[in-house]
Amino acid sequence: MDKHLITAALLGLALAAAPIAGASAAELKVIAGGGMTVPLKELGPQFERSTGHKVDIQFAATPELIKMATSGNPLDLAVVPVDVMKDAGARAKFAPEPPTDIARVGFGVAVKAGAPKPDVSTPDALKQTLLKAQSITFLPESAAGSYVMKVFDRLGIGEAMKAKTRAQKIPGDIPRAVANGDAELGVFLTNVLIAPGVEFAGPFPGDLQQDLVFTGAVASDSKDKAAAKAFLDYLRTPEAMAVLKAKGMRPG
């Protein structure tokens, strides 16, 4: 090969290898669904170490995420339940490209560690378990909570569950309430129910089961689109997928 071509190739490799943050590291403002809290608290710092960028993640439930997306405050990226993107106002705040599915997770029931595990193997068994429980806990003001209430209605026990519900404001409080004895059953996303002090009783049965999908999108007015896209791409790497699986979620 001509030495000039070799020199040019080496220069190209050197430029490609230069860190993204060579000129200036980005400080990304990210909003994310509460169900993504555990994996993103691990993946965010990993991304920071490998790129030099900083990631500031605010976790919230769907109604609050929609408010955040439409508030006009600085925003670079969202990793949120698909329900957020179904809101026209929120969807308009993101780049026109289709959102990227990051992770998905189903629904289930948990009890305090050491307690007898109830039968949730069929729709009728789940119904009877819920009716017999003295109290249940979940996060009603969320996309996941909305689906839980739909399941209650499908089972014909929506009204009966209202008096038993110990509503929480963040996902992490659901297993804590069960572990502390403040609620007999936790009913929510399965990855949230994998926590100290609780044991998983089982998933929603049959066609009552449904995945909640978390999707990612870059904000259309982000000042650091390349860095935001880099974080989005990072969440789909084998390394990130391994973390998602370890935290009870399925990638994509």
C-alpha atoms as a PDB file:
ATOM      1  CA  MET A   1       0.000   0.000   0.000  1.00  0.00           C
ATOM      2  CA  ASP A   2       1.194   3.561  -0.779  1.00  0.00           C
ATOM      3  CA  LYS A   3       2.733   5.150   2.328  1.00  0.00           C
ATOM      4  CA  HIS A   4       0.451   8.167   1.976  1.00  0.00           C
ATOM      5  CA  LEU A   5      -2.576   5.877   2.042  1.00  0.00           C
ATOM      6  CA  ILE A   6      -1.181   4.126   5.112  1.00  0.00           C
ATOM      7  CA  THR A   7      -0.652   7.480   6.836  1.00  0.00           C
ATOM      8  CA  ALA A   8      -4.197   8.579   5.987  1.00  0.00           C
ATOM      9  CA  ALA A   9      -5.630   5.300   7.258  1.00  0.00           C
ATOM     10  CA  LEU A  10      -3.737   5.569  10.536  1.00  0.00           C
ATOM     11  CA  LEU A  11      -4.906   9.143  10.966  1.00  0.00           C
ATOM     12  CA  GLY A  12      -8.482   8.058  10.373  1.00  0.00           C
ATOM     13  CA  LEU A  13      -8.154   5.345  12.994  1.00  0.00           C
ATOM     14  CA  ALA A  14      -6.715   7.827  15.466  1.00  0.00           C
ATOM     15  CA  LEU A  15      -9.598  10.226  14.930  1.00  0.00           C
ATOM     16  CA  ALA A  16     -12.142   7.415  15.247  1.00  0.00           C
ATOM     17  CA  ALA A  17     -10.553   6.297  18.487  1.00  0.00           C
ATOM     18  CA  ALA A  18     -10.650   9.786  19.995  1.00  0.00           C
ATOM     19  CA  PRO A  19     -13.151   9.960  22.890  1.00  0.00           C
ATOM     20  CA  ILE A  20     -16.550  11.383  22.089  1.00  0.00           C
ATOM     21  CA  ALA A  21     -16.078  13.867  24.854  1.00  0.00           C
ATOM     22  CA  GLY A  22     -12.708  15.012  23.562  1.00  0.00           C
ATOM     23  CA  ALA A  23     -13.916  18.563  22.994  1.00  0.00           C
ATOM     24  CA  SER A  24     -16.426  18.737  25.813  1.00  0.00           C
ATOM     25  CA  ALA A  25     -18.292  16.119  27.784  1.00  0.00           C
ATOM     26  CA  ALA A  26     -22.069  16.258  27.527  1.00  0.00           C
ATOM     27  CA  GLU A  27     -24.330  16.460  30.561  1.00  0.00           C
ATOM     28  CA  LEU A  28     -27.386  14.509  29.510  1.00  0.00           C
ATOM     29  CA  LYS A  29     -30.788  15.164  31.023  1.00  0.00           C
ATOM     30  CA  VAL A  30     -32.738  11.907  30.955  1.00  0.00           C
ATOM     31  CA  ILE A  31     -36.228  10.991  32.118  1.00  0.00           C
ATOM     32  CA  ALA A  32     -37.045   7.353  32.783  1.00  0.00           C
ATOM     33  CA  GLY A  33     -39.833   5.123  34.004  1.00  0.00           C
ATOM     34  CA  GLY A  34     -39.668   4.081  37.637  1.00  0.00           C
ATOM     35  CA  GLY A  35     -39.546   0.437  36.584  1.00  0.00           C
ATOM     36  CA  MET A  36     -36.139   1.119  34.991  1.00  0.00           C
ATOM     37  CA  THR A  37     -34.629   2.532  38.194  1.00  0.00           C
ATOM     38  CA  VAL A  38     -32.487  -0.441  39.229  1.00  0.00           C
ATOM     39  CA  PRO A  39     -30.869  -1.239  35.850  1.00  0.00           C
ATOM     40  CA  LEU A  40     -30.308   2.398  34.872  1.00  0.00           C
ATOM     41  CA  LYS A  41     -28.672   3.211  38.210  1.00  0.00           C
ATOM     42  CA  GLU A  42     -26.080   0.604  37.234  1.00  0.00           C
ATOM     43  CA  LEU A  43     -25.869   1.341  33.508  1.00  0.00           C
ATOM     44  CA  GLY A  44     -25.689   5.132  33.836  1.00  0.00           C
ATOM     45  CA  PRO A  45     -22.369   5.144  35.743  1.00  0.00           C
ATOM     46  CA  GLN A  46     -20.953   2.492  33.389  1.00  0.00           C
ATOM     47  CA  PHE A  47     -21.745   4.719  30.416  1.00  0.00           C
ATOM     48  CA  GLU A  48     -20.202   7.708  32.195  1.00  0.00           C
ATOM     49  CA  ARG A  49     -16.967   5.828  32.849  1.00  0.00           C
ATOM     50  CA  SER A  50     -16.648   4.640  29.263  1.00  0.00           C
ATOM     51  CA  THR A  51     -17.469   7.957  27.537  1.00  0.00           C
ATOM     52  CA  GLY A  52     -16.761  10.833  29.908  1.00  0.00           C
ATOM     53  CA  HIS A  53     -20.333  12.071  29.543  1.00  0.00           C
ATOM     54  CA  LYS A  54     -22.525  12.701  32.575  1.00  0.00           C
ATOM     55  CA  VAL A  55     -26.028  11.294  32.876  1.00  0.00           C
ATOM     56  CA  ASP A  56     -28.654  12.943  35.106  1.00  0.00           C
ATOM     57  CA  ILE A  57     -31.671  10.620  35.278  1.00  0.00           C
ATOM     58  CA  GLN A  58     -35.034  11.560  36.782  1.00  0.00           C
ATOM     59  CA  PHE A  59     -37.324   8.602  37.470  1.00  0.00           C
ATOM     60  CA  ALA A  60     -41.091   8.959  37.577  1.00  0.00           C
ATOM     61  CA  ALA A  61     -44.408   7.323  36.760  1.00  0.00           C
ATOM     62  CA  THR A  62     -46.149   7.837  33.418  1.00  0.00           C
ATOM     63  CA  PRO A  63     -48.332  10.880  34.260  1.00  0.00           C
ATOM     64  CA  GLU A  64     -45.340  12.754  35.699  1.00  0.00           C
ATOM     65  CA  LEU A  65     -43.115  11.697  32.786  1.00  0.00           C
ATOM     66  CA  ILE A  66     -45.588  13.233  30.346  1.00  0.00           C
ATOM     67  CA  LYS A  67     -45.481  16.470  32.347  1.00  0.00           C
ATOM     68  CA  MET A  68     -41.665  16.387  32.334  1.00  0.00           C
ATOM     69  CA  ALA A  69     -41.528  15.817  28.584  1.00  0.00           C
ATOM     70  CA  THR A  70     -43.863  18.733  27.869  1.00  0.00           C
ATOM     71  CA  SER A  71     -42.587  21.150  30.537  1.00  0.00           C
ATOM     72  CA  GLY A  72     -40.100  22.920  28.303  1.00  0.00           C
ATOM     73  CA  ASN A  73     -37.233  22.118  30.666  1.00  0.00           C
ATOM     74  CA  PRO A  74     -33.965  20.875  29.131  1.00  0.00           C
ATOM     75  CA  LEU A  75     -34.242  17.250  28.024  1.00  0.00           C
ATOM     76  CA  ASP A  76     -31.984  15.013  25.959  1.00  0.00           C
ATOM     77  CA  LEU A  77     -33.378  11.513  26.191  1.00  0.00           C
ATOM     78  CA  ALA A  78     -36.291   9.475  27.505  1.00  0.00           C
ATOM     79  CA  VAL A  79     -36.418   5.794  28.467  1.00  0.00           C
ATOM     80  CA  VAL A  80     -40.078   5.474  29.306  1.00  0.00           C
ATOM     81  CA  PRO A  81     -43.145   3.226  29.128  1.00  0.00           C
ATOM     82  CA  VAL A  82     -44.671   3.219  25.640  1.00  0.00           C
ATOM     83  CA  ASP A  83     -47.735   4.891  27.152  1.00  0.00           C
ATOM     84  CA  VAL A  84     -45.747   8.133  27.391  1.00  0.00           C
ATOM     85  CA  MET A  85     -45.177   8.084  23.633  1.00  0.00           C
ATOM     86  CA  LYS A  86     -48.899   7.517  23.064  1.00  0.00           C
ATOM     87  CA  ASP A  87     -49.501  11.001  24.429  1.00  0.00           C
ATOM     88  CA  ALA A  88     -49.456  13.343  21.434  1.00  0.00           C
ATOM     89  CA  GLY A  89     -47.954  16.248  23.349  1.00  0.00           C
ATOM     90  CA  ALA A  90     -45.116  14.166  24.751  1.00  0.00           C
ATOM     91  CA  ARG A  91     -44.393  12.373  21.467  1.00  0.00           C
ATOM     92  CA  ALA A  92     -44.050  15.720  19.689  1.00  0.00           C
ATOM     93  CA  LYS A  93     -41.079  16.577  21.916  1.00  0.00           C
ATOM     94  CA  PHE A  94     -38.935  13.794  20.471  1.00  0.00           C
ATOM     95  CA  ALA A  95     -37.121  13.253  17.195  1.00  0.00           C
ATOM     96  CA  PRO A  96     -39.320  11.961  14.352  1.00  0.00           C
ATOM     97  CA  GLU A  97     -37.524   8.622  14.192  1.00  0.00           C
ATOM     98  CA  PRO A  98     -39.490   5.714  15.716  1.00  0.00           C
ATOM     99  CA  PRO A  99     -38.653   5.146  19.395  1.00  0.00           C
ATOM    100  CA  THR A 100     -36.297   2.256  20.195  1.00  0.00           C
ATOM    101  CA  ASP A 101     -37.570  -0.556  22.389  1.00  0.00           C
ATOM    102  CA  ILE A 102     -35.103  -1.028  25.262  1.00  0.00           C
ATOM    103  CA  ALA A 103     -36.678  -3.527  27.658  1.00  0.00           C
ATOM    104  CA  ARG A 104     -39.896  -5.261  28.579  1.00  0.00           C
ATOM    105  CA  VAL A 105     -41.267  -6.971  31.659  1.00  0.00           C
ATOM    106  CA  GLY A 106     -44.432  -8.749  32.722  1.00  0.00           C
ATOM    107  CA  PHE A 107     -46.624  -8.634  35.834  1.00  0.00           C
ATOM    108  CA  GLY A 108     -46.845 -10.796  38.911  1.00  0.00           C
ATOM    109  CA  VAL A 109     -47.529 -11.159  42.615  1.00  0.00           C
ATOM    110  CA  ALA A 110     -45.152 -11.209  45.595  1.00  0.00           C
ATOM    111  CA  VAL A 111     -45.472 -12.029  49.300  1.00  0.00           C
ATOM    112  CA  LYS A 112     -43.336 -11.406  52.345  1.00  0.00           C
ATOM    113  CA  ALA A 113     -40.317 -13.704  52.518  1.00  0.00           C
ATOM    114  CA  GLY A 114     -41.231 -16.864  54.404  1.00  0.00           C
ATOM    115  CA  ALA A 115     -44.984 -16.437  53.997  1.00  0.00           C
ATOM    116  CA  PRO A 116     -46.994 -19.170  52.230  1.00  0.00           C
ATOM    117  CA  LYS A 117     -47.099 -18.571  48.486  1.00  0.00           C
ATOM    118  CA  PRO A 118     -50.655 -18.194  47.227  1.00  0.00           C
ATOM    119  CA  ASP A 119     -51.957 -19.854  44.082  1.00  0.00           C
ATOM    120  CA  VAL A 120     -51.967 -17.473  41.103  1.00  0.00           C
ATOM    121  CA  SER A 121     -51.651 -20.158  38.408  1.00  0.00           C
ATOM    122  CA  THR A 122     -55.050 -19.554  36.778  1.00  0.00           C
ATOM    123  CA  PRO A 123     -57.280 -16.484  36.420  1.00  0.00           C
ATOM    124  CA  ASP A 124     -59.736 -17.888  38.985  1.00  0.00           C
ATOM    125  CA  ALA A 125     -56.923 -18.771  41.398  1.00  0.00           C
ATOM    126  CA  LEU A 126     -55.523 -15.249  41.098  1.00  0.00           C
ATOM    127  CA  LYS A 127     -58.994 -13.807  41.685  1.00  0.00           C
ATOM    128  CA  GLN A 128     -59.519 -15.865  44.829  1.00  0.00           C
ATOM    129  CA  THR A 129     -56.031 -15.010  46.120  1.00  0.00           C
ATOM    130  CA  LEU A 130     -56.682 -11.306  45.674  1.00  0.00           C
ATOM    131  CA  LEU A 131     -60.115 -11.507  47.304  1.00  0.00           C
ATOM    132  CA  LYS A 132     -58.726 -13.411  50.313  1.00  0.00           C
ATOM    133  CA  ALA A 133     -55.835 -10.998  50.844  1.00  0.00           C
ATOM    134  CA  GLN A 134     -56.270  -8.478  53.647  1.00  0.00           C
ATOM    135  CA  SER A 135     -54.330  -5.835  51.708  1.00  0.00           C
ATOM    136  CA  ILE A 136     -52.481  -5.326  48.439  1.00  0.00           C
ATOM    137  CA  THR A 137     -50.016  -2.726  47.261  1.00  0.00           C
ATOM    138  CA  PHE A 138     -49.019  -1.284  43.894  1.00  0.00           C
ATOM    139  CA  LEU A 139     -48.524   2.068  42.203  1.00  0.00           C
ATOM    140  CA  PRO A 140     -51.882   3.103  40.714  1.00  0.00           C
ATOM    141  CA  GLU A 141     -50.598   6.338  39.137  1.00  0.00           C
ATOM    142  CA  SER A 142     -48.433   4.616  36.536  1.00  0.00           C
ATOM    143  CA  ALA A 143     -48.738   2.736  33.258  1.00  0.00           C
ATOM    144  CA  ALA A 144     -48.119  -0.517  35.120  1.00  0.00           C
ATOM    145  CA  GLY A 145     -50.646   0.375  37.800  1.00  0.00           C
ATOM    146  CA  SER A 146     -53.227   1.206  35.171  1.00  0.00           C
ATOM    147  CA  TYR A 147     -52.839  -2.271  33.718  1.00  0.00           C
ATOM    148  CA  VAL A 148     -53.096  -3.891  37.164  1.00  0.00           C
ATOM    149  CA  MET A 149     -56.435  -2.135  37.664  1.00  0.00           C
ATOM    150  CA  LYS A 150     -57.619  -3.338  34.242  1.00  0.00           C
ATOM    151  CA  VAL A 151     -56.838  -6.896  35.334  1.00  0.00           C
ATOM    152  CA  PHE A 152     -58.850  -6.364  38.515  1.00  0.00           C
ATOM    153  CA  ASP A 153     -61.778  -5.173  36.389  1.00  0.00           C
ATOM    154  CA  ARG A 154     -61.456  -8.146  34.039  1.00  0.00           C
ATOM    155  CA  LEU A 155     -61.634 -10.434  37.063  1.00  0.00           C
ATOM    156  CA  GLY A 156     -64.713  -8.559  38.270  1.00  0.00           C
ATOM    157  CA  ILE A 157     -63.066  -7.400  41.518  1.00  0.00           C
ATOM    158  CA  GLY A 158     -62.170  -3.798  40.740  1.00  0.00           C
ATOM    159  CA  GLU A 159     -64.382  -2.318  43.457  1.00  0.00           C
ATOM    160  CA  ALA A 160     -63.366  -4.913  46.028  1.00  0.00           C
ATOM    161  CA  MET A 161     -59.683  -4.110  45.518  1.00  0.00           C
ATOM    162  CA  LYS A 162     -60.061  -0.375  46.135  1.00  0.00           C
ATOM    163  CA  ALA A 163     -60.616  -0.798  49.872  1.00  0.00           C
ATOM    164  CA  LYS A 164     -57.627  -3.162  50.153  1.00  0.00           C
ATOM    165  CA  THR A 165     -55.143  -1.081  48.188  1.00  0.00           C
ATOM    166  CA  ARG A 166     -52.156   0.527  49.879  1.00  0.00           C
ATOM    167  CA  ALA A 167     -51.062   2.880  47.110  1.00  0.00           C
ATOM    168  CA  GLN A 168     -47.358   3.671  46.682  1.00  0.00           C
ATOM    169  CA  LYS A 169     -45.675   6.611  44.979  1.00  0.00           C
ATOM    170  CA  ILE A 170     -42.506   4.918  43.694  1.00  0.00           C
ATOM    171  CA  PRO A 171     -41.982   1.308  42.554  1.00  0.00           C
ATOM    172  CA  GLY A 172     -39.354   0.524  45.191  1.00  0.00           C
ATOM    173  CA  ASP A 173     -41.871   1.167  47.968  1.00  0.00           C
ATOM    174  CA  ILE A 174     -44.024  -1.761  46.786  1.00  0.00           C
ATOM    175  CA  PRO A 175     -41.699  -4.594  47.873  1.00  0.00           C
ATOM    176  CA  ARG A 176     -40.707  -2.615  50.974  1.00  0.00           C
ATOM    177  CA  ALA A 177     -44.351  -2.401  52.041  1.00  0.00           C
ATOM    178  CA  VAL A 178     -44.729  -6.166  51.632  1.00  0.00           C
ATOM    179  CA  ALA A 179     -41.456  -6.910  53.422  1.00  0.00           C
ATOM    180  CA  ASN A 180     -42.471  -4.637  56.324  1.00  0.00           C
ATOM    181  CA  GLY A 181     -45.879  -6.257  56.656  1.00  0.00           C
ATOM    182  CA  ASP A 182     -47.741  -3.112  55.581  1.00  0.00           C
ATOM    183  CA  ALA A 183     -49.383  -5.041  52.746  1.00  0.00           C
ATOM    184  CA  GLU A 184     -50.001  -8.760  52.270  1.00  0.00           C
ATOM    185  CA  LEU A 185     -49.468  -8.858  48.501  1.00  0.00           C
ATOM    186  CA  GLY A 186     -47.430  -6.817  46.052  1.00  0.00           C
ATOM    187  CA  VAL A 187     -48.979  -6.734  42.582  1.00  0.00           C
ATOM    188  CA  PHE A 188     -46.832  -5.102  39.940  1.00  0.00           C
ATOM    189  CA  LEU A 189     -43.997  -5.523  37.425  1.00  0.00           C
ATOM    190  CA  THR A 190     -42.062  -8.699  38.114  1.00  0.00           C
ATOM    191  CA  ASN A 191     -38.654  -7.004  38.132  1.00  0.00           C
ATOM    192  CA  VAL A 192     -39.808  -4.576  40.829  1.00  0.00           C
ATOM    193  CA  LEU A 193     -40.988  -7.517  42.946  1.00  0.00           C
ATOM    194  CA  ILE A 194     -37.515  -9.084  42.912  1.00  0.00           C
ATOM    195  CA  ALA A 195     -36.234  -7.413  46.061  1.00  0.00           C
ATOM    196  CA  PRO A 196     -34.963  -8.160  49.578  1.00  0.00           C
ATOM    197  CA  GLY A 197     -37.601  -9.309  52.061  1.00  0.00           C
ATOM    198  CA  VAL A 198     -40.107 -10.554  49.495  1.00  0.00           C
ATOM    199  CA  GLU A 199     -40.637 -13.708  47.469  1.00  0.00           C
ATOM    200  CA  PHE A 200     -42.200 -13.959  44.034  1.00  0.00           C
ATOM    201  CA  ALA A 201     -45.442 -15.956  44.132  1.00  0.00           C
ATOM    202  CA  GLY A 202     -45.878 -16.133  40.371  1.00  0.00           C
ATOM    203  CA  PRO A 203     -46.719 -14.247  37.177  1.00  0.00           C
ATOM    204  CA  PHE A 204     -50.161 -13.214  36.011  1.00  0.00           C
ATOM    205  CA  PRO A 205     -51.677 -16.308  34.354  1.00  0.00           C
ATOM    206  CA  GLY A 206     -52.726 -16.868  30.767  1.00  0.00           C
ATOM    207  CA  ASP A 207     -54.023 -13.953  28.763  1.00  0.00           C
ATOM    208  CA  LEU A 208     -54.008 -11.740  31.854  1.00  0.00           C
ATOM    209  CA  GLN A 209     -50.257 -11.457  31.331  1.00  0.00           C
ATOM    210  CA  GLN A 210     -48.903  -8.552  29.309  1.00  0.00           C
ATOM    211  CA  ASP A 211     -45.514  -6.965  28.815  1.00  0.00           C
ATOM    212  CA  LEU A 212     -44.883  -3.351  29.719  1.00  0.00           C
ATOM    213  CA  VAL A 213     -42.415  -2.059  27.134  1.00  0.00           C
ATOM    214  CA  PHE A 214     -39.892   0.680  27.903  1.00  0.00           C
ATOM    215  CA  THR A 215     -38.844   2.625  24.840  1.00  0.00           C
ATOM    216  CA  GLY A 216     -36.102   5.183  24.230  1.00  0.00           C
ATOM    217  CA  ALA A 217     -36.125   8.381  22.180  1.00  0.00           C
ATOM    218  CA  VAL A 218     -33.853  11.402  21.742  1.00  0.00           C
ATOM    219  CA  ALA A 219     -35.425  14.811  22.404  1.00  0.00           C
ATOM    220  CA  SER A 220     -35.825  16.861  19.244  1.00  0.00           C
ATOM    221  CA  ASP A 221     -34.361  19.983  20.890  1.00  0.00           C
ATOM    222  CA  SER A 222     -31.469  18.217  22.638  1.00  0.00           C
ATOM    223  CA  LYS A 223     -28.219  20.161  22.417  1.00  0.00           C
ATOM    224  CA  ASP A 224     -26.251  16.914  22.657  1.00  0.00           C
ATOM    225  CA  LYS A 225     -28.035  14.615  20.222  1.00  0.00           C
ATOM    226  CA  ALA A 226     -24.904  12.592  19.408  1.00  0.00           C
ATOM    227  CA  ALA A 227     -24.222  11.854  23.073  1.00  0.00           C
ATOM    228  CA  ALA A 228     -27.899  11.084  23.730  1.00  0.00           C
ATOM    229  CA  LYS A 229     -27.923   8.689  20.780  1.00  0.00           C
ATOM    230  CA  ALA A 230     -24.729   7.115  22.125  1.00  0.00           C
ATOM    231  CA  PHE A 231     -26.431   6.409  25.455  1.00  0.00           C
ATOM    232  CA  LEU A 232     -29.457   4.983  23.653  1.00  0.00           C
ATOM    233  CA  ASP A 233     -27.174   2.743  21.594  1.00  0.00           C
ATOM    234  CA  TYR A 234     -25.308   1.711  24.735  1.00  0.00           C
ATOM    235  CA  LEU A 235     -28.543   0.444  26.267  1.00  0.00           C
ATOM    236  CA  ARG A 236     -28.753  -2.071  23.412  1.00  0.00           C
ATOM    237  CA  THR A 237     -25.213  -3.431  23.748  1.00  0.00           C
ATOM    238  CA  PRO A 238     -24.589  -6.988  25.000  1.00  0.00           C
ATOM    239  CA  GLU A 239     -23.156  -5.510  28.203  1.00  0.00           C
ATOM    240  CA  ALA A 240     -26.317  -3.519  28.910  1.00  0.00           C
ATOM    241  CA  MET A 241     -28.586  -6.392  27.902  1.00  0.00           C
ATOM    242  CA  ALA A 242     -26.826  -8.625  30.434  1.00  0.00           C
ATOM    243  CA  VAL A 243     -27.603  -6.097  33.174  1.00  0.00           C
ATOM    244  CA  LEU A 244     -31.255  -5.861  32.109  1.00  0.00           C
ATOM    245  CA  LYS A 245     -31.589  -9.644  32.242  1.00  0.00           C
ATOM    246  CA  ALA A 246     -29.891  -9.794  35.641  1.00  0.00           C
ATOM    247  CA  LYS A 247     -32.426  -7.267  36.939  1.00  0.00           C
ATOM    248  CA  GLY A 248     -35.409  -9.327  35.791  1.00  0.00           C
ATOM    249  CA  MET A 249     -36.141  -7.639  32.450  1.00  0.00           C
ATOM    250  CA  ARG A 250     -36.002  -8.815  28.833  1.00  0.00           C
ATOM    251  CA  PRO A 251     -34.065  -6.647  26.353  1.00  0.00           C
ATOM    252  CA  GLY A 252     -35.830  -5.163  23.338  1.00  0.00           C
END
